[in-house]
C-alpha atoms as a PDB file:
ATOM      1  CA  UNK A   1     -57.253 -28.982   2.518  1.00  0.00           C
ATOM      2  CA  UNK A   2     -54.537 -31.288   1.253  1.00  0.00           C
ATOM      3  CA  UNK A   3     -53.685 -34.562   3.015  1.00  0.00           C
ATOM      4  CA  UNK A   4     -50.368 -36.350   3.146  1.00  0.00           C
ATOM      5  CA  UNK A   5     -48.983 -39.551   4.589  1.00  0.00           C
ATOM      6  CA  UNK A   6     -47.134 -39.031   7.859  1.00  0.00           C
ATOM      7  CA  UNK A   7     -43.738 -40.497   7.015  1.00  0.00           C
ATOM      8  CA  UNK A   8     -44.109 -44.233   6.483  1.00  0.00           C
ATOM      9  CA  UNK A   9     -46.869 -44.712   9.051  1.00  0.00           C
ATOM     10  CA  UNK A  10     -49.758 -44.806   6.588  1.00  0.00           C
ATOM     11  CA  UNK A  11     -51.581 -42.192   8.687  1.00  0.00           C
ATOM     12  CA  UNK A  12     -53.126 -39.390   6.627  1.00  0.00           C
ATOM     13  CA  UNK A  13     -52.749 -35.900   8.079  1.00  0.00           C
ATOM     14  CA  UNK A  14     -53.745 -32.442   6.878  1.00  0.00           C
ATOM     15  CA  UNK A  15     -51.088 -30.202   5.338  1.00  0.00           C
ATOM     16  CA  UNK A  16     -51.966 -27.582   7.950  1.00  0.00           C
ATOM     17  CA  UNK A  17     -52.043 -28.787  11.554  1.00  0.00           C
ATOM     18  CA  UNK A  18     -53.314 -27.008  14.652  1.00  0.00           C
ATOM     19  CA  UNK A  19     -50.654 -26.132  17.204  1.00  0.00           C
ATOM     20  CA  UNK A  20     -52.098 -25.472  20.656  1.00  0.00           C
ATOM     21  CA  UNK A  21     -49.235 -23.584  22.306  1.00  0.00           C
ATOM     22  CA  UNK A  22     -51.351 -20.422  22.518  1.00  0.00           C
ATOM     23  CA  UNK A  23     -54.173 -22.125  24.389  1.00  0.00           C
ATOM     24  CA  UNK A  24     -54.371 -20.777  27.926  1.00  0.00           C
ATOM     25  CA  UNK A  25     -52.143 -18.251  29.631  1.00  0.00           C
ATOM     26  CA  UNK A  26     -49.480 -18.068  26.908  1.00  0.00           C
ATOM     27  CA  UNK A  27     -51.928 -16.760  24.312  1.00  0.00           C
ATOM     28  CA  UNK A  28     -54.508 -15.484  26.793  1.00  0.00           C
ATOM     29  CA  UNK A  29     -57.023 -17.869  25.221  1.00  0.00           C
ATOM     30  CA  UNK A  30     -60.023 -19.038  27.256  1.00  0.00           C
ATOM     31  CA  UNK A  31     -61.494 -22.530  27.116  1.00  0.00           C
ATOM     32  CA  UNK A  32     -64.467 -21.312  25.075  1.00  0.00           C
ATOM     33  CA  UNK A  33     -62.117 -19.623  22.602  1.00  0.00           C
ATOM     34  CA  UNK A  34     -59.910 -22.695  22.373  1.00  0.00           C
ATOM     35  CA  UNK A  35     -62.916 -24.943  21.762  1.00  0.00           C
ATOM     36  CA  UNK A  36     -64.188 -22.589  19.046  1.00  0.00           C
ATOM     37  CA  UNK A  37     -60.752 -22.674  17.374  1.00  0.00           C
ATOM     38  CA  UNK A  38     -60.693 -26.477  17.476  1.00  0.00           C
ATOM     39  CA  UNK A  39     -64.253 -26.618  16.089  1.00  0.00           C
ATOM     40  CA  UNK A  40     -63.370 -24.306  13.200  1.00  0.00           C
ATOM     41  CA  UNK A  41     -60.088 -26.099  12.513  1.00  0.00           C
ATOM     42  CA  UNK A  42     -61.795 -29.485  12.256  1.00  0.00           C
ATOM     43  CA  UNK A  43     -64.533 -27.995  10.089  1.00  0.00           C
ATOM     44  CA  UNK A  44     -61.797 -26.549   7.849  1.00  0.00           C
ATOM     45  CA  UNK A  45     -60.272 -29.984   7.310  1.00  0.00           C
ATOM     46  CA  UNK A  46     -57.481 -30.022   9.900  1.00  0.00           C
ATOM     47  CA  UNK A  47     -57.185 -33.439  11.537  1.00  0.00           C
ATOM     48  CA  UNK A  48     -53.896 -33.150  13.482  1.00  0.00           C
ATOM     49  CA  UNK A  49     -53.653 -31.268  16.787  1.00  0.00           C
ATOM     50  CA  UNK A  50     -50.260 -30.792  18.451  1.00  0.00           C
ATOM     51  CA  UNK A  51     -49.613 -29.685  22.013  1.00  0.00           C
ATOM     52  CA  UNK A  52     -47.017 -30.253  24.756  1.00  0.00           C
ATOM     53  CA  UNK A  53     -46.938 -30.813  28.486  1.00  0.00           C
ATOM     54  CA  UNK A  54     -44.989 -27.613  29.191  1.00  0.00           C
ATOM     55  CA  UNK A  55     -47.357 -25.276  27.316  1.00  0.00           C
ATOM     56  CA  UNK A  56     -48.815 -23.353  30.222  1.00  0.00           C
ATOM     57  CA  UNK A  57     -47.591 -26.064  32.622  1.00  0.00           C
ATOM     58  CA  UNK A  58     -50.170 -28.491  31.287  1.00  0.00           C
ATOM     59  CA  UNK A  59     -52.926 -25.944  30.699  1.00  0.00           C
ATOM     60  CA  UNK A  60     -52.850 -26.376  26.912  1.00  0.00           C
ATOM     61  CA  UNK A  61     -53.263 -30.147  27.191  1.00  0.00           C
ATOM     62  CA  UNK A  62     -56.214 -29.723  29.537  1.00  0.00           C
ATOM     63  CA  UNK A  63     -57.904 -27.291  27.153  1.00  0.00           C
ATOM     64  CA  UNK A  64     -57.268 -29.509  24.134  1.00  0.00           C
ATOM     65  CA  UNK A  65     -58.711 -32.467  26.038  1.00  0.00           C
ATOM     66  CA  UNK A  66     -61.925 -30.608  26.807  1.00  0.00           C
ATOM     67  CA  UNK A  67     -62.178 -29.286  23.242  1.00  0.00           C
ATOM     68  CA  UNK A  68     -61.893 -32.729  21.612  1.00  0.00           C
ATOM     69  CA  UNK A  69     -64.103 -34.610  24.069  1.00  0.00           C
ATOM     70  CA  UNK A  70     -66.475 -36.921  22.219  1.00  0.00           C
ATOM     71  CA  UNK A  71     -64.559 -36.881  18.927  1.00  0.00           C
ATOM     72  CA  UNK A  72     -61.172 -38.285  19.866  1.00  0.00           C
ATOM     73  CA  UNK A  73     -61.173 -40.936  17.139  1.00  0.00           C
ATOM     74  CA  UNK A  74     -61.429 -38.319  14.378  1.00  0.00           C
ATOM     75  CA  UNK A  75     -58.218 -36.576  15.451  1.00  0.00           C
ATOM     76  CA  UNK A  76     -54.533 -37.400  15.135  1.00  0.00           C
ATOM     77  CA  UNK A  77     -53.449 -36.225  18.584  1.00  0.00           C
ATOM     78  CA  UNK A  78     -49.829 -35.307  19.280  1.00  0.00           C
ATOM     79  CA  UNK A  79     -48.071 -34.065  22.383  1.00  0.00           C
ATOM     80  CA  UNK A  80     -44.502 -33.641  23.603  1.00  0.00           C
ATOM     81  CA  UNK A  81     -42.367 -34.081  26.709  1.00  0.00           C
ATOM     82  CA  UNK A  82     -38.842 -33.302  27.798  1.00  0.00           C
ATOM     83  CA  UNK A  83     -38.712 -29.594  28.619  1.00  0.00           C
ATOM     84  CA  UNK A  84     -38.840 -28.661  32.332  1.00  0.00           C
ATOM     85  CA  UNK A  85     -42.079 -29.139  34.235  1.00  0.00           C
ATOM     86  CA  UNK A  86     -41.347 -27.217  37.419  1.00  0.00           C
ATOM     87  CA  UNK A  87     -38.150 -26.856  39.417  1.00  0.00           C
ATOM     88  CA  UNK A  88     -37.582 -30.521  40.304  1.00  0.00           C
ATOM     89  CA  UNK A  89     -34.434 -31.558  38.428  1.00  0.00           C
ATOM     90  CA  UNK A  90     -35.811 -34.946  37.338  1.00  0.00           C
ATOM     91  CA  UNK A  91     -39.086 -33.525  36.003  1.00  0.00           C
ATOM     92  CA  UNK A  92     -37.534 -32.949  32.577  1.00  0.00           C
ATOM     93  CA  UNK A  93     -35.394 -34.694  29.995  1.00  0.00           C
ATOM     94  CA  UNK A  94     -35.919 -38.012  28.248  1.00  0.00           C
ATOM     95  CA  UNK A  95     -35.043 -40.619  30.857  1.00  0.00           C
ATOM     96  CA  UNK A  96     -37.331 -43.628  31.298  1.00  0.00           C
ATOM     97  CA  UNK A  97     -38.091 -42.430  34.827  1.00  0.00           C
ATOM     98  CA  UNK A  98     -39.485 -39.121  33.606  1.00  0.00           C
ATOM     99  CA  UNK A  99     -41.133 -40.165  30.332  1.00  0.00           C
ATOM    100  CA  UNK A 100     -43.301 -42.819  32.006  1.00  0.00           C
ATOM    101  CA  UNK A 101     -44.543 -40.250  34.523  1.00  0.00           C
ATOM    102  CA  UNK A 102     -44.832 -37.421  31.990  1.00  0.00           C
ATOM    103  CA  UNK A 103     -46.937 -39.483  29.595  1.00  0.00           C
ATOM    104  CA  UNK A 104     -49.356 -40.562  32.320  1.00  0.00           C
ATOM    105  CA  UNK A 105     -49.701 -36.914  33.334  1.00  0.00           C
ATOM    106  CA  UNK A 106     -50.366 -35.884  29.725  1.00  0.00           C
ATOM    107  CA  UNK A 107     -52.966 -38.612  29.218  1.00  0.00           C
ATOM    108  CA  UNK A 108     -54.749 -37.517  32.385  1.00  0.00           C
ATOM    109  CA  UNK A 109     -54.787 -33.855  31.320  1.00  0.00           C
ATOM    110  CA  UNK A 110     -55.936 -34.724  27.797  1.00  0.00           C
ATOM    111  CA  UNK A 111     -58.602 -37.106  29.091  1.00  0.00           C
ATOM    112  CA  UNK A 112     -57.565 -39.916  26.723  1.00  0.00           C
ATOM    113  CA  UNK A 113     -56.055 -43.388  27.037  1.00  0.00           C
ATOM    114  CA  UNK A 114     -53.459 -42.901  24.303  1.00  0.00           C
ATOM    115  CA  UNK A 115     -51.871 -40.306  22.036  1.00  0.00           C
ATOM    116  CA  UNK A 116     -51.157 -40.920  18.386  1.00  0.00           C
ATOM    117  CA  UNK A 117     -47.759 -39.211  18.361  1.00  0.00           C
ATOM    118  CA  UNK A 118     -45.508 -38.677  21.385  1.00  0.00           C
ATOM    119  CA  UNK A 119     -42.521 -36.423  20.713  1.00  0.00           C
ATOM    120  CA  UNK A 120     -39.304 -35.705  22.580  1.00  0.00           C
ATOM    121  CA  UNK A 121     -39.425 -31.909  22.751  1.00  0.00           C
ATOM    122  CA  UNK A 122     -35.658 -31.371  22.581  1.00  0.00           C
ATOM    123  CA  UNK A 123     -32.621 -33.594  22.368  1.00  0.00           C
ATOM    124  CA  UNK A 124     -31.412 -34.386  25.906  1.00  0.00           C
ATOM    125  CA  UNK A 125     -27.580 -34.573  25.939  1.00  0.00           C
ATOM    126  CA  UNK A 126     -27.592 -36.253  29.350  1.00  0.00           C
ATOM    127  CA  UNK A 127     -29.651 -39.273  28.266  1.00  0.00           C
ATOM    128  CA  UNK A 128     -28.542 -41.999  25.867  1.00  0.00           C
ATOM    129  CA  UNK A 129     -30.639 -42.886  22.824  1.00  0.00           C
ATOM    130  CA  UNK A 130     -31.045 -46.496  23.978  1.00  0.00           C
ATOM    131  CA  UNK A 131     -32.570 -45.344  27.294  1.00  0.00           C
ATOM    132  CA  UNK A 132     -35.091 -43.069  25.604  1.00  0.00           C
ATOM    133  CA  UNK A 133     -35.990 -45.366  22.711  1.00  0.00           C
ATOM    134  CA  UNK A 134     -36.381 -48.336  25.054  1.00  0.00           C
ATOM    135  CA  UNK A 135     -38.844 -46.398  27.226  1.00  0.00           C
ATOM    136  CA  UNK A 136     -40.786 -45.153  24.201  1.00  0.00           C
ATOM    137  CA  UNK A 137     -40.916 -48.640  22.695  1.00  0.00           C
ATOM    138  CA  UNK A 138     -42.349 -50.048  25.932  1.00  0.00           C
ATOM    139  CA  UNK A 139     -44.934 -47.257  26.112  1.00  0.00           C
ATOM    140  CA  UNK A 140     -45.889 -48.012  22.520  1.00  0.00           C
ATOM    141  CA  UNK A 141     -46.256 -51.736  23.254  1.00  0.00           C
ATOM    142  CA  UNK A 142     -48.391 -50.837  26.259  1.00  0.00           C
ATOM    143  CA  UNK A 143     -50.797 -49.061  23.887  1.00  0.00           C
ATOM    144  CA  UNK A 144     -50.306 -45.620  25.419  1.00  0.00           C
ATOM    145  CA  UNK A 145     -48.738 -44.159  22.272  1.00  0.00           C
ATOM    146  CA  UNK A 146     -49.130 -45.205  18.649  1.00  0.00           C
ATOM    147  CA  UNK A 147     -45.953 -43.595  17.274  1.00  0.00           C
ATOM    148  CA  UNK A 148     -43.114 -41.474  18.592  1.00  0.00           C
ATOM    149  CA  UNK A 149     -40.984 -38.718  17.141  1.00  0.00           C
ATOM    150  CA  UNK A 150     -38.417 -36.029  17.838  1.00  0.00           C
ATOM    151  CA  UNK A 151     -38.654 -32.250  17.894  1.00  0.00           C
ATOM    152  CA  UNK A 152     -35.936 -29.769  16.929  1.00  0.00           C
ATOM    153  CA  UNK A 153     -33.178 -32.386  16.899  1.00  0.00           C
ATOM    154  CA  UNK A 154     -29.896 -31.564  15.159  1.00  0.00           C
ATOM    155  CA  UNK A 155     -29.406 -33.633  12.009  1.00  0.00           C
ATOM    156  CA  UNK A 156     -26.618 -35.734  13.497  1.00  0.00           C
ATOM    157  CA  UNK A 157     -28.830 -36.679  16.459  1.00  0.00           C
ATOM    158  CA  UNK A 158     -31.625 -37.762  14.113  1.00  0.00           C
ATOM    159  CA  UNK A 159     -29.144 -40.038  12.367  1.00  0.00           C
ATOM    160  CA  UNK A 160     -27.725 -41.339  15.651  1.00  0.00           C
ATOM    161  CA  UNK A 161     -31.209 -42.170  16.965  1.00  0.00           C
ATOM    162  CA  UNK A 162     -32.059 -44.075  13.792  1.00  0.00           C
ATOM    163  CA  UNK A 163     -28.829 -46.062  14.162  1.00  0.00           C
ATOM    164  CA  UNK A 164     -29.543 -46.771  17.840  1.00  0.00           C
ATOM    165  CA  UNK A 165     -33.027 -48.089  17.085  1.00  0.00           C
ATOM    166  CA  UNK A 166     -31.592 -50.567  14.591  1.00  0.00           C
ATOM    167  CA  UNK A 167     -28.604 -51.518  16.714  1.00  0.00           C
ATOM    168  CA  UNK A 168     -30.741 -52.277  19.776  1.00  0.00           C
ATOM    169  CA  UNK A 169     -33.846 -53.557  17.930  1.00  0.00           C
ATOM    170  CA  UNK A 170     -36.078 -50.827  19.302  1.00  0.00           C
ATOM    171  CA  UNK A 171     -38.858 -48.705  17.838  1.00  0.00           C
ATOM    172  CA  UNK A 172     -37.711 -45.631  15.927  1.00  0.00           C
ATOM    173  CA  UNK A 173     -38.644 -41.996  15.656  1.00  0.00           C
ATOM    174  CA  UNK A 174     -41.036 -41.688  12.724  1.00  0.00           C
ATOM    175  CA  UNK A 175     -41.352 -37.887  12.721  1.00  0.00           C
ATOM    176  CA  UNK A 176     -39.298 -34.752  13.315  1.00  0.00           C
ATOM    177  CA  UNK A 177     -40.701 -31.342  14.258  1.00  0.00           C
ATOM    178  CA  UNK A 178     -38.265 -28.547  13.272  1.00  0.00           C
ATOM    179  CA  UNK A 179     -38.627 -24.783  12.954  1.00  0.00           C
ATOM    180  CA  UNK A 180     -38.932 -23.722   9.302  1.00  0.00           C
ATOM    181  CA  UNK A 181     -39.975 -20.590   7.450  1.00  0.00           C
ATOM    182  CA  UNK A 182     -38.980 -18.393   4.529  1.00  0.00           C
ATOM    183  CA  UNK A 183     -36.768 -16.455   6.957  1.00  0.00           C
ATOM    184  CA  UNK A 184     -35.233 -19.520   8.650  1.00  0.00           C
ATOM    185  CA  UNK A 185     -34.203 -22.002   5.945  1.00  0.00           C
ATOM    186  CA  UNK A 186     -31.181 -23.611   7.601  1.00  0.00           C
ATOM    187  CA  UNK A 187     -32.831 -27.019   7.941  1.00  0.00           C
ATOM    188  CA  UNK A 188     -32.814 -27.330   4.158  1.00  0.00           C
ATOM    189  CA  UNK A 189     -29.046 -27.819   4.423  1.00  0.00           C
ATOM    190  CA  UNK A 190     -28.953 -30.653   6.939  1.00  0.00           C
ATOM    191  CA  UNK A 191     -32.185 -31.700   8.672  1.00  0.00           C
ATOM    192  CA  UNK A 192     -34.555 -32.104   5.716  1.00  0.00           C
ATOM    193  CA  UNK A 193     -32.143 -34.238   3.644  1.00  0.00           C
ATOM    194  CA  UNK A 194     -31.822 -36.556   6.658  1.00  0.00           C
ATOM    195  CA  UNK A 195     -35.584 -36.807   7.231  1.00  0.00           C
ATOM    196  CA  UNK A 196     -36.046 -37.661   3.561  1.00  0.00           C
ATOM    197  CA  UNK A 197     -33.335 -40.310   3.759  1.00  0.00           C
ATOM    198  CA  UNK A 198     -35.036 -42.031   6.702  1.00  0.00           C
ATOM    199  CA  UNK A 199     -38.616 -41.486   5.565  1.00  0.00           C
ATOM    200  CA  UNK A 200     -39.638 -39.337   8.534  1.00  0.00           C
ATOM    201  CA  UNK A 201     -42.779 -37.257   8.596  1.00  0.00           C
ATOM    202  CA  UNK A 202     -41.968 -33.573   9.144  1.00  0.00           C
ATOM    203  CA  UNK A 203     -44.249 -31.233  11.102  1.00  0.00           C
ATOM    204  CA  UNK A 204     -42.754 -27.747  10.888  1.00  0.00           C
ATOM    205  CA  UNK A 205     -43.372 -25.122  13.546  1.00  0.00           C
ATOM    206  CA  UNK A 206     -43.215 -21.317  13.330  1.00  0.00           C
ATOM    207  CA  UNK A 207     -43.897 -21.184   9.573  1.00  0.00           C
ATOM    208  CA  UNK A 208     -44.926 -17.531  10.045  1.00  0.00           C
ATOM    209  CA  UNK A 209     -41.636 -16.780  11.841  1.00  0.00           C
ATOM    210  CA  UNK A 210     -43.251 -15.644  15.120  1.00  0.00           C
ATOM    211  CA  UNK A 211     -45.426 -13.144  13.233  1.00  0.00           C
ATOM    212  CA  UNK A 212     -42.805 -11.681  10.901  1.00  0.00           C
ATOM    213  CA  UNK A 213     -44.628 -13.284   7.954  1.00  0.00           C
ATOM    214  CA  UNK A 214     -48.190 -12.667   9.122  1.00  0.00           C
ATOM    215  CA  UNK A 215     -48.518  -9.379   7.244  1.00  0.00           C
ATOM    216  CA  UNK A 216     -48.539  -7.405  10.494  1.00  0.00           C
ATOM    217  CA  UNK A 217     -44.837  -6.521  10.349  1.00  0.00           C
ATOM    218  CA  UNK A 218     -44.011  -3.891   7.745  1.00  0.00           C
ATOM    219  CA  UNK A 219     -41.567  -1.008   7.403  1.00  0.00           C
ATOM    220  CA  UNK A 220     -42.802   2.262   8.872  1.00  0.00           C
ATOM    221  CA  UNK A 221     -45.346   0.585  11.163  1.00  0.00           C
ATOM    222  CA  UNK A 222     -45.228  -0.031  14.881  1.00  0.00           C
ATOM    223  CA  UNK A 223     -44.807  -3.728  15.604  1.00  0.00           C
ATOM    224  CA  UNK A 224     -47.616  -4.752  17.937  1.00  0.00           C
ATOM    225  CA  UNK A 225     -47.789  -8.529  17.554  1.00  0.00           C
ATOM    226  CA  UNK A 226     -48.228 -10.600  20.716  1.00  0.00           C
ATOM    227  CA  UNK A 227     -44.767 -12.104  20.294  1.00  0.00           C
ATOM    228  CA  UNK A 228     -43.186  -8.642  20.074  1.00  0.00           C
ATOM    229  CA  UNK A 229     -44.450  -7.859  23.591  1.00  0.00           C
ATOM    230  CA  UNK A 230     -43.075 -11.147  24.950  1.00  0.00           C
ATOM    231  CA  UNK A 231     -39.762 -11.124  23.042  1.00  0.00           C
ATOM    232  CA  UNK A 232     -39.107  -7.467  22.122  1.00  0.00           C
ATOM    233  CA  UNK A 233     -35.479  -8.032  21.164  1.00  0.00           C
ATOM    234  CA  UNK A 234     -36.552 -10.312  18.316  1.00  0.00           C
ATOM    235  CA  UNK A 235     -38.425  -7.396  16.774  1.00  0.00           C
ATOM    236  CA  UNK A 236     -35.986  -4.566  17.517  1.00  0.00           C
ATOM    237  CA  UNK A 237     -35.322  -3.232  14.029  1.00  0.00           C
ATOM    238  CA  UNK A 238     -32.249  -1.442  15.335  1.00  0.00           C
ATOM    239  CA  UNK A 239     -30.479  -4.809  15.358  1.00  0.00           C
ATOM    240  CA  UNK A 240     -28.785  -5.857  12.092  1.00  0.00           C
ATOM    241  CA  UNK A 241     -30.426  -9.277  11.929  1.00  0.00           C
ATOM    242  CA  UNK A 242     -33.879  -7.758  12.361  1.00  0.00           C
ATOM    243  CA  UNK A 243     -33.214  -5.122   9.723  1.00  0.00           C
ATOM    244  CA  UNK A 244     -32.284  -7.982   7.378  1.00  0.00           C
ATOM    245  CA  UNK A 245     -35.565  -9.711   8.202  1.00  0.00           C
ATOM    246  CA  UNK A 246     -37.551  -6.529   7.648  1.00  0.00           C
ATOM    247  CA  UNK A 247     -35.873  -5.958   4.285  1.00  0.00           C
ATOM    248  CA  UNK A 248     -36.763  -9.507   3.253  1.00  0.00           C
ATOM    249  CA  UNK A 249     -40.338  -9.081   4.485  1.00  0.00           C
ATOM    250  CA  UNK A 250     -40.786  -5.949   2.357  1.00  0.00           C
ATOM    251  CA  UNK A 251     -39.576  -7.768  -0.750  1.00  0.00           C
ATOM    252  CA  UNK A 252     -41.746 -10.785   0.060  1.00  0.00           C
ATOM    253  CA  UNK A 253     -44.796  -8.556   0.549  1.00  0.00           C
ATOM    254  CA  UNK A 254     -44.239  -7.074  -2.901  1.00  0.00           C
ATOM    255  CA  UNK A 255     -43.922 -10.571  -4.362  1.00  0.00           C
ATOM    256  CA  UNK A 256     -47.131 -11.678  -2.636  1.00  0.00           C
ATOM    257  CA  UNK A 257     -49.015  -8.665  -4.030  1.00  0.00           C
ATOM    258  CA  UNK A 258     -47.776  -9.446  -7.537  1.00  0.00           C
ATOM    259  CA  UNK A 259     -48.894 -13.068  -7.172  1.00  0.00           C
ATOM    260  CA  UNK A 260     -52.312 -12.106  -5.768  1.00  0.00           C
ATOM    261  CA  UNK A 261     -51.584 -13.747  -2.427  1.00  0.00           C
ATOM    262  CA  UNK A 262     -51.587 -12.702   1.201  1.00  0.00           C
ATOM    263  CA  UNK A 263     -48.329 -12.889   3.117  1.00  0.00           C
ATOM    264  CA  UNK A 264     -49.750 -15.806   5.080  1.00  0.00           C
ATOM    265  CA  UNK A 265     -50.569 -17.707   1.895  1.00  0.00           C
ATOM    266  CA  UNK A 266     -47.076 -17.041   0.571  1.00  0.00           C
ATOM    267  CA  UNK A 267     -45.425 -18.148   3.820  1.00  0.00           C
ATOM    268  CA  UNK A 268     -47.477 -21.304   4.367  1.00  0.00           C
ATOM    269  CA  UNK A 269     -47.444 -22.188   0.678  1.00  0.00           C
ATOM    270  CA  UNK A 270     -43.664 -21.980   0.751  1.00  0.00           C
ATOM    271  CA  UNK A 271     -43.093 -24.441   3.607  1.00  0.00           C
ATOM    272  CA  UNK A 272     -45.708 -26.941   2.442  1.00  0.00           C
ATOM    273  CA  UNK A 273     -44.170 -26.929  -1.048  1.00  0.00           C
ATOM    274  CA  UNK A 274     -41.006 -28.654   0.161  1.00  0.00           C
ATOM    275  CA  UNK A 275     -41.256 -32.396  -0.620  1.00  0.00           C
ATOM    276  CA  UNK A 276     -39.855 -33.304   2.808  1.00  0.00           C
ATOM    277  CA  UNK A 277     -42.552 -31.376   4.718  1.00  0.00           C
ATOM    278  CA  UNK A 278     -45.737 -33.187   5.740  1.00  0.00           C
ATOM    279  CA  UNK A 279     -47.593 -30.457   7.636  1.00  0.00           C
ATOM    280  CA  UNK A 280     -47.142 -26.878   8.784  1.00  0.00           C
ATOM    281  CA  UNK A 281     -48.201 -26.194  12.368  1.00  0.00           C
ATOM    282  CA  UNK A 282     -50.258 -23.038  12.762  1.00  0.00           C
ATOM    283  CA  UNK A 283     -50.808 -21.586  16.235  1.00  0.00           C
ATOM    284  CA  UNK A 284     -53.727 -19.146  16.118  1.00  0.00           C
ATOM    285  CA  UNK A 285     -54.749 -17.211  19.213  1.00  0.00           C
ATOM    286  CA  UNK A 286     -58.116 -16.176  17.769  1.00  0.00           C
ATOM    287  CA  UNK A 287     -60.687 -17.380  15.264  1.00  0.00           C
ATOM    288  CA  UNK A 288     -59.701 -14.498  13.011  1.00  0.00           C
ATOM    289  CA  UNK A 289     -56.103 -15.722  13.000  1.00  0.00           C
ATOM    290  CA  UNK A 290     -57.239 -19.256  12.227  1.00  0.00           C
ATOM    291  CA  UNK A 291     -59.425 -18.211   9.316  1.00  0.00           C
ATOM    292  CA  UNK A 292     -56.654 -16.147   7.739  1.00  0.00           C
ATOM    293  CA  UNK A 293     -54.359 -19.169   7.974  1.00  0.00           C
ATOM    294  CA  UNK A 294     -56.916 -21.692   6.747  1.00  0.00           C
ATOM    295  CA  UNK A 295     -57.179 -19.544   3.611  1.00  0.00           C
ATOM    296  CA  UNK A 296     -53.754 -20.939   2.703  1.00  0.00           C
ATOM    297  CA  UNK A 297     -54.866 -24.573   2.932  1.00  0.00           C
ATOM    298  CA  UNK A 298     -55.051 -25.057  -0.836  1.00  0.00           C
ATOM    299  CA  UNK A 299     -52.282 -22.634  -1.795  1.00  0.00           C
ATOM    300  CA  UNK A 300     -49.818 -24.127  -4.289  1.00  0.00           C
ATOM    301  CA  UNK A 301     -47.040 -21.745  -5.230  1.00  0.00           C
ATOM    302  CA  UNK A 302     -45.938 -21.848  -8.879  1.00  0.00           C
ATOM    303  CA  UNK A 303     -42.283 -22.391  -9.731  1.00  0.00           C
ATOM    304  CA  UNK A 304     -41.670 -18.752 -10.632  1.00  0.00           C
ATOM    305  CA  UNK A 305     -42.868 -17.574  -7.214  1.00  0.00           C
ATOM    306  CA  UNK A 306     -40.697 -20.166  -5.448  1.00  0.00           C
ATOM    307  CA  UNK A 307     -37.736 -19.043  -7.564  1.00  0.00           C
ATOM    308  CA  UNK A 308     -38.413 -15.435  -6.584  1.00  0.00           C
ATOM    309  CA  UNK A 309     -38.451 -16.403  -2.891  1.00  0.00           C
ATOM    310  CA  UNK A 310     -35.078 -18.109  -3.382  1.00  0.00           C
ATOM    311  CA  UNK A 311     -33.725 -14.852  -4.783  1.00  0.00           C
ATOM    312  CA  UNK A 312     -34.866 -12.962  -1.668  1.00  0.00           C
ATOM    313  CA  UNK A 313     -33.746 -15.515   0.952  1.00  0.00           C
ATOM    314  CA  UNK A 314     -31.311 -18.048  -0.533  1.00  0.00           C
ATOM    315  CA  UNK A 315     -31.908 -21.756   0.163  1.00  0.00           C
ATOM    316  CA  UNK A 316     -30.370 -22.963   3.414  1.00  0.00           C
ATOM    317  CA  UNK A 317     -30.091 -19.449   4.868  1.00  0.00           C
ATOM    318  CA  UNK A 318     -31.112 -18.471   8.410  1.00  0.00           C
ATOM    319  CA  UNK A 319     -31.614 -14.731   8.680  1.00  0.00           C
ATOM    320  CA  UNK A 320     -31.579 -15.044  12.475  1.00  0.00           C
ATOM    321  CA  UNK A 321     -29.112 -17.881  13.159  1.00  0.00           C
ATOM    322  CA  UNK A 322     -28.884 -16.964  16.854  1.00  0.00           C
ATOM    323  CA  UNK A 323     -32.517 -18.046  17.255  1.00  0.00           C
ATOM    324  CA  UNK A 324     -31.833 -21.611  16.225  1.00  0.00           C
ATOM    325  CA  UNK A 325     -32.969 -24.262  18.700  1.00  0.00           C
ATOM    326  CA  UNK A 326     -30.902 -27.182  17.394  1.00  0.00           C
ATOM    327  CA  UNK A 327     -27.461 -25.647  17.886  1.00  0.00           C
ATOM    328  CA  UNK A 328     -24.979 -28.169  19.390  1.00  0.00           C
ATOM    329  CA  UNK A 329     -24.496 -27.377  23.107  1.00  0.00           C
ATOM    330  CA  UNK A 330     -20.729 -26.914  22.679  1.00  0.00           C
ATOM    331  CA  UNK A 331     -21.353 -23.862  20.510  1.00  0.00           C
ATOM    332  CA  UNK A 332     -23.363 -22.227  23.290  1.00  0.00           C
ATOM    333  CA  UNK A 333     -21.397 -23.252  26.390  1.00  0.00           C
ATOM    334  CA  UNK A 334     -17.649 -22.429  26.301  1.00  0.00           C
ATOM    335  CA  UNK A 335     -16.905 -24.972  29.047  1.00  0.00           C
ATOM    336  CA  UNK A 336     -17.834 -27.744  26.598  1.00  0.00           C
ATOM    337  CA  UNK A 337     -15.069 -26.581  24.261  1.00  0.00           C
ATOM    338  CA  UNK A 338     -12.308 -26.677  26.890  1.00  0.00           C
ATOM    339  CA  UNK A 339     -10.279 -29.538  28.300  1.00  0.00           C
END
């Protein structure tokens, strides 16, 4: 396992981090299975675990808390808030009112008195940066969080938040958590240059592109990944964007074979090779998944392999741009483009 400094915090984290979204009902993972995954991840050198309040409506946090009991100090523990927790309209977003409550709820579910990294799950257009950063700064001073960060923020909002922290003399986001994979490289154009400029740690999610890069998706085979049952349209090869992904996957699989690598090693080695990336979040549902991903922990792709990947999916290219999560709201809602 490789270790890197998380932005400018001085905290050392593993280049592969354990994402706990699949713990519980989402991934049909029991507590015993989740604990076994955490045990194996820690044994394999992972020291960062990331979850969120809305994963299974708090179920993931509860399972992580039970799995890490008695060894909290050995783990860099991260969680997130901001996405809806139920139907109540104020149980979401990044207002002070909600974040104070949401953090206390997360700490209770995790069974800890603080988290190391507290992240705003998505940019909240209805809440000003000063409101959010002020609340997070107070929670940090209260000792309930050590650092705070953003997740899937558009580049211009990352910049705006950094400006707001300076303008109002508040704490700043020290990390960003974007989606990044060989098939979704758009953040290379805008987000990653900004995170490098401001010295942010970067924890990338979906480095296996929801299973497209796991080795399980190949031409001529039935697609039976867990994500394909939940989001079938994303794997419908009758759609042009999915045919483009499948074509790229076939070429990448050939490249991996030539390099003596698995698809997972190629995919994880690619994202962790970028100098702006601190860690890649893996989200195994089973021990078998975890072990196949841990096999990529020491993978360092040579320049010729990285060049070959660039020839298959050009830098800055999203093969499925409609699946982006940091698209400005005005591009999705026509009413925001009309006077």
